[in-house]
C-alpha atoms as a PDB file:
ATOM      1  CA  MET A   1     -44.111 162.256 140.869  1.00  0.00           C
ATOM      2  CA  ALA A   2     -41.704 159.620 139.761  1.00  0.00           C
ATOM      3  CA  ASP A   3     -41.262 156.594 141.656  1.00  0.00           C
ATOM      4  CA  VAL A   4     -38.450 156.480 144.050  1.00  0.00           C
ATOM      5  CA  ASP A   5     -35.753 153.232 143.195  1.00  0.00           C
ATOM      6  CA  TYR A   6     -35.670 152.117 146.766  1.00  0.00           C
ATOM      7  CA  SER A   7     -33.325 149.150 145.480  1.00  0.00           C
ATOM      8  CA  LYS A   8     -30.585 151.558 144.294  1.00  0.00           C
ATOM      9  CA  ILE A   9     -30.873 153.806 147.415  1.00  0.00           C
ATOM     10  CA  GLY A  10     -30.519 150.668 149.506  1.00  0.00           C
ATOM     11  CA  GLU A  11     -27.254 149.622 147.579  1.00  0.00           C
ATOM     12  CA  ASP A  12     -25.808 153.340 147.991  1.00  0.00           C
ATOM     13  CA  LEU A  13     -26.353 152.704 151.719  1.00  0.00           C
ATOM     14  CA  GLU A  14     -24.958 149.272 151.769  1.00  0.00           C
ATOM     15  CA  LYS A  15     -21.876 151.141 150.550  1.00  0.00           C
ATOM     16  CA  GLN A  16     -21.921 153.513 152.706  1.00  0.00           C
ATOM     17  CA  GLU A  17     -21.671 150.922 155.516  1.00  0.00           C
ATOM     18  CA  LEU A  18     -19.153 149.206 154.302  1.00  0.00           C
ATOM     19  CA  ASP A  19     -17.019 152.628 153.331  1.00  0.00           C
ATOM     20  CA  ALA A  20     -17.716 153.975 156.913  1.00  0.00           C
ATOM     21  CA  PRO A  21     -14.695 155.048 158.953  1.00  0.00           C
ATOM     22  CA  ASN A  22     -14.308 152.123 161.299  1.00  0.00           C
ATOM     23  CA  GLY A  23     -17.359 150.501 159.824  1.00  0.00           C
ATOM     24  CA  VAL A  24     -19.402 152.375 161.499  1.00  0.00           C
ATOM     25  CA  PRO A  25     -21.607 154.914 159.367  1.00  0.00           C
ATOM     26  CA  PRO A  26     -23.717 157.459 160.758  1.00  0.00           C
ATOM     27  CA  ALA A  27     -26.940 156.704 162.459  1.00  0.00           C
ATOM     28  CA  HIS A  28     -29.591 157.703 159.671  1.00  0.00           C
ATOM     29  CA  VAL A  29     -27.737 155.213 157.110  1.00  0.00           C
ATOM     30  CA  TYR A  30     -28.681 152.229 159.471  1.00  0.00           C
ATOM     31  CA  GLU A  31     -32.376 153.678 159.910  1.00  0.00           C
ATOM     32  CA  GLN A  32     -33.020 154.054 156.239  1.00  0.00           C
ATOM     33  CA  LEU A  33     -31.084 150.665 155.224  1.00  0.00           C
ATOM     34  CA  LEU A  34     -33.056 148.728 157.829  1.00  0.00           C
ATOM     35  CA  ALA A  35     -35.994 150.211 156.729  1.00  0.00           C
ATOM     36  CA  ILE A  36     -35.449 149.656 152.952  1.00  0.00           C
ATOM     37  CA  TYR A  37     -35.068 145.885 154.318  1.00  0.00           C
ATOM     38  CA  LEU A  38     -38.546 145.820 155.573  1.00  0.00           C
ATOM     39  CA  LEU A  39     -39.831 147.390 152.193  1.00  0.00           C
ATOM     40  CA  GLN A  40     -37.907 144.609 150.177  1.00  0.00           C
ATOM     41  CA  ASN A  41     -39.150 142.147 152.591  1.00  0.00           C
ATOM     42  CA  ASP A  42     -35.709 141.084 153.148  1.00  0.00           C
ATOM     43  CA  LEU A  43     -36.196 140.168 156.921  1.00  0.00           C
ATOM     44  CA  THR A  44     -33.097 138.271 157.175  1.00  0.00           C
ATOM     45  CA  GLY A  45     -31.143 141.312 155.941  1.00  0.00           C
ATOM     46  CA  ALA A  46     -32.740 143.435 158.168  1.00  0.00           C
ATOM     47  CA  LYS A  47     -32.023 140.968 161.106  1.00  0.00           C
ATOM     48  CA  PHE A  48     -28.348 140.837 160.572  1.00  0.00           C
ATOM     49  CA  LEU A  49     -28.014 144.701 159.834  1.00  0.00           C
ATOM     50  CA  TRP A  50     -29.751 145.066 163.453  1.00  0.00           C
ATOM     51  CA  LYS A  51     -27.078 142.480 165.042  1.00  0.00           C
ATOM     52  CA  ARG A  52     -24.332 144.486 163.728  1.00  0.00           C
ATOM     53  CA  ILE A  53     -25.762 147.917 164.602  1.00  0.00           C
ATOM     54  CA  PRO A  54     -23.545 149.204 167.489  1.00  0.00           C
ATOM     55  CA  ALA A  55     -25.569 149.122 170.952  1.00  0.00           C
ATOM     56  CA  SER A  56     -24.295 153.014 171.405  1.00  0.00           C
ATOM     57  CA  THR A  57     -26.086 153.935 168.089  1.00  0.00           C
ATOM     58  CA  LYS A  58     -29.275 151.762 169.279  1.00  0.00           C
ATOM     59  CA  THR A  59     -29.482 153.523 172.259  1.00  0.00           C
ATOM     60  CA  ALA A  60     -28.651 157.318 170.767  1.00  0.00           C
ATOM     61  CA  THR A  61     -31.320 156.419 168.124  1.00  0.00           C
ATOM     62  CA  PRO A  62     -34.828 155.438 169.453  1.00  0.00           C
ATOM     63  CA  GLU A  63     -35.971 155.533 166.146  1.00  0.00           C
ATOM     64  CA  LEU A  64     -33.692 152.293 165.125  1.00  0.00           C
ATOM     65  CA  GLY A  65     -35.966 150.428 167.623  1.00  0.00           C
ATOM     66  CA  LEU A  66     -39.180 151.409 166.600  1.00  0.00           C
ATOM     67  CA  ILE A  67     -38.122 150.669 162.803  1.00  0.00           C
ATOM     68  CA  TRP A  68     -36.744 147.009 164.172  1.00  0.00           C
ATOM     69  CA  ALA A  69     -40.276 146.696 166.093  1.00  0.00           C
ATOM     70  CA  VAL A  70     -42.102 146.539 162.735  1.00  0.00           C
ATOM     71  CA  GLY A  71     -39.336 144.174 161.437  1.00  0.00           C
ATOM     72  CA  GLN A  72     -39.817 141.689 164.276  1.00  0.00           C
ATOM     73  CA  ASN A  73     -43.900 141.875 164.053  1.00  0.00           C
ATOM     74  CA  LEU A  74     -43.482 141.068 160.248  1.00  0.00           C
ATOM     75  CA  TRP A  75     -40.900 138.087 161.116  1.00  0.00           C
ATOM     76  CA  GLN A  76     -43.682 136.873 163.822  1.00  0.00           C
ATOM     77  CA  ARG A  77     -46.441 137.402 161.006  1.00  0.00           C
ATOM     78  CA  ASP A  78     -48.156 139.494 163.608  1.00  0.00           C
ATOM     79  CA  LEU A  79     -50.110 142.099 160.875  1.00  0.00           C
ATOM     80  CA  PRO A  80     -51.909 143.932 163.713  1.00  0.00           C
ATOM     81  CA  ALA A  81     -49.104 144.606 165.381  1.00  0.00           C
ATOM     82  CA  VAL A  82     -47.240 145.871 162.404  1.00  0.00           C
ATOM     83  CA  TYR A  83     -49.686 148.038 161.754  1.00  0.00           C
ATOM     84  CA  THR A  84     -49.527 149.294 165.455  1.00  0.00           C
ATOM     85  CA  ALA A  85     -45.898 149.571 165.124  1.00  0.00           C
ATOM     86  CA  LEU A  86     -46.421 151.255 161.986  1.00  0.00           C
ATOM     87  CA  LYS A  87     -48.395 154.051 163.278  1.00  0.00           C
ATOM     88  CA  GLN A  88     -45.535 156.549 164.153  1.00  0.00           C
ATOM     89  CA  GLU A  89     -44.492 160.103 163.718  1.00  0.00           C
ATOM     90  CA  TRP A  90     -41.293 158.900 161.306  1.00  0.00           C
ATOM     91  CA  SER A  91     -38.556 161.427 161.265  1.00  0.00           C
ATOM     92  CA  PRO A  92     -37.851 162.936 157.513  1.00  0.00           C
ATOM     93  CA  THR A  93     -35.051 160.752 157.564  1.00  0.00           C
ATOM     94  CA  VAL A  94     -37.282 157.653 157.132  1.00  0.00           C
ATOM     95  CA  LYS A  95     -40.777 159.163 156.588  1.00  0.00           C
ATOM     96  CA  ASP A  96     -41.246 158.285 152.942  1.00  0.00           C
ATOM     97  CA  ILE A  97     -39.379 154.721 153.362  1.00  0.00           C
ATOM     98  CA  MET A  98     -41.601 154.033 156.172  1.00  0.00           C
ATOM     99  CA  LYS A  99     -45.025 155.322 154.318  1.00  0.00           C
ATOM    100  CA  ALA A 100     -43.902 152.775 151.446  1.00  0.00           C
ATOM    101  CA  VAL A 101     -43.205 150.032 154.184  1.00  0.00           C
ATOM    102  CA  HIS A 102     -46.956 150.278 155.249  1.00  0.00           C
ATOM    103  CA  ASP A 103     -48.279 150.715 152.064  1.00  0.00           C
ATOM    104  CA  HIS A 104     -46.441 147.753 150.914  1.00  0.00           C
ATOM    105  CA  VAL A 105     -47.422 145.905 153.730  1.00  0.00           C
ATOM    106  CA  ARG A 106     -51.446 146.578 153.262  1.00  0.00           C
ATOM    107  CA  GLN A 107     -50.949 145.520 149.344  1.00  0.00           C
ATOM    108  CA  ARG A 108     -49.553 142.169 150.384  1.00  0.00           C
ATOM    109  CA  ALA A 109     -52.342 141.644 152.824  1.00  0.00           C
ATOM    110  CA  LEU A 110     -54.985 142.398 150.503  1.00  0.00           C
ATOM    111  CA  ASP A 111     -53.332 139.808 147.716  1.00  0.00           C
ATOM    112  CA  LEU A 112     -53.360 137.376 150.321  1.00  0.00           C
ATOM    113  CA  ALA A 113     -56.828 137.860 151.052  1.00  0.00           C
ATOM    114  CA  LEU A 114     -57.498 137.701 147.360  1.00  0.00           C
ATOM    115  CA  ILE A 115     -55.837 133.897 147.321  1.00  0.00           C
ATOM    116  CA  PRO A 116     -58.787 131.600 148.610  1.00  0.00           C
ATOM    117  CA  PRO A 117     -61.389 133.254 146.825  1.00  0.00           C
ATOM    118  CA  LEU A 118     -59.576 132.570 143.696  1.00  0.00           C
ATOM    119  CA  VAL A 119     -58.247 129.513 144.651  1.00  0.00           C
ATOM    120  CA  GLN A 120     -62.099 127.950 145.116  1.00  0.00           C
ATOM    121  CA  LYS A 121     -62.758 129.334 141.752  1.00  0.00           C
ATOM    122  CA  ILE A 122     -60.390 126.871 140.092  1.00  0.00           C
ATOM    123  CA  SER A 123     -62.007 123.799 138.746  1.00  0.00           C
ATOM    124  CA  LEU A 124     -60.284 120.509 138.687  1.00  0.00           C
ATOM    125  CA  SER A 125     -62.301 119.221 136.074  1.00  0.00           C
END
């Protein structure tokens, strides 16, 4: 299976948001874009997107709140809470992206766990 270019998809979603009538795209655009920002570890972009999503869209689309809960926990660096928030039955709209977020978060955690042993091996002599 070919790798998905989430950067390109994110750019397309940003364009859809900008080109939307009255500046408000369909909810799935917000869902996917928010998830892609999390995947890219662009927590600032995710936070600003969350702030500009209309309250009515947030209310009508509960999954947006679930995606944002992942973002909030990433922002706070609360890894156990991130994993808990990721344990959802995601809709087909964001399922693949949220799986990629889960895999990416896990890989970053593993990479960070490997740093201390590597630093100990560095000799200053």
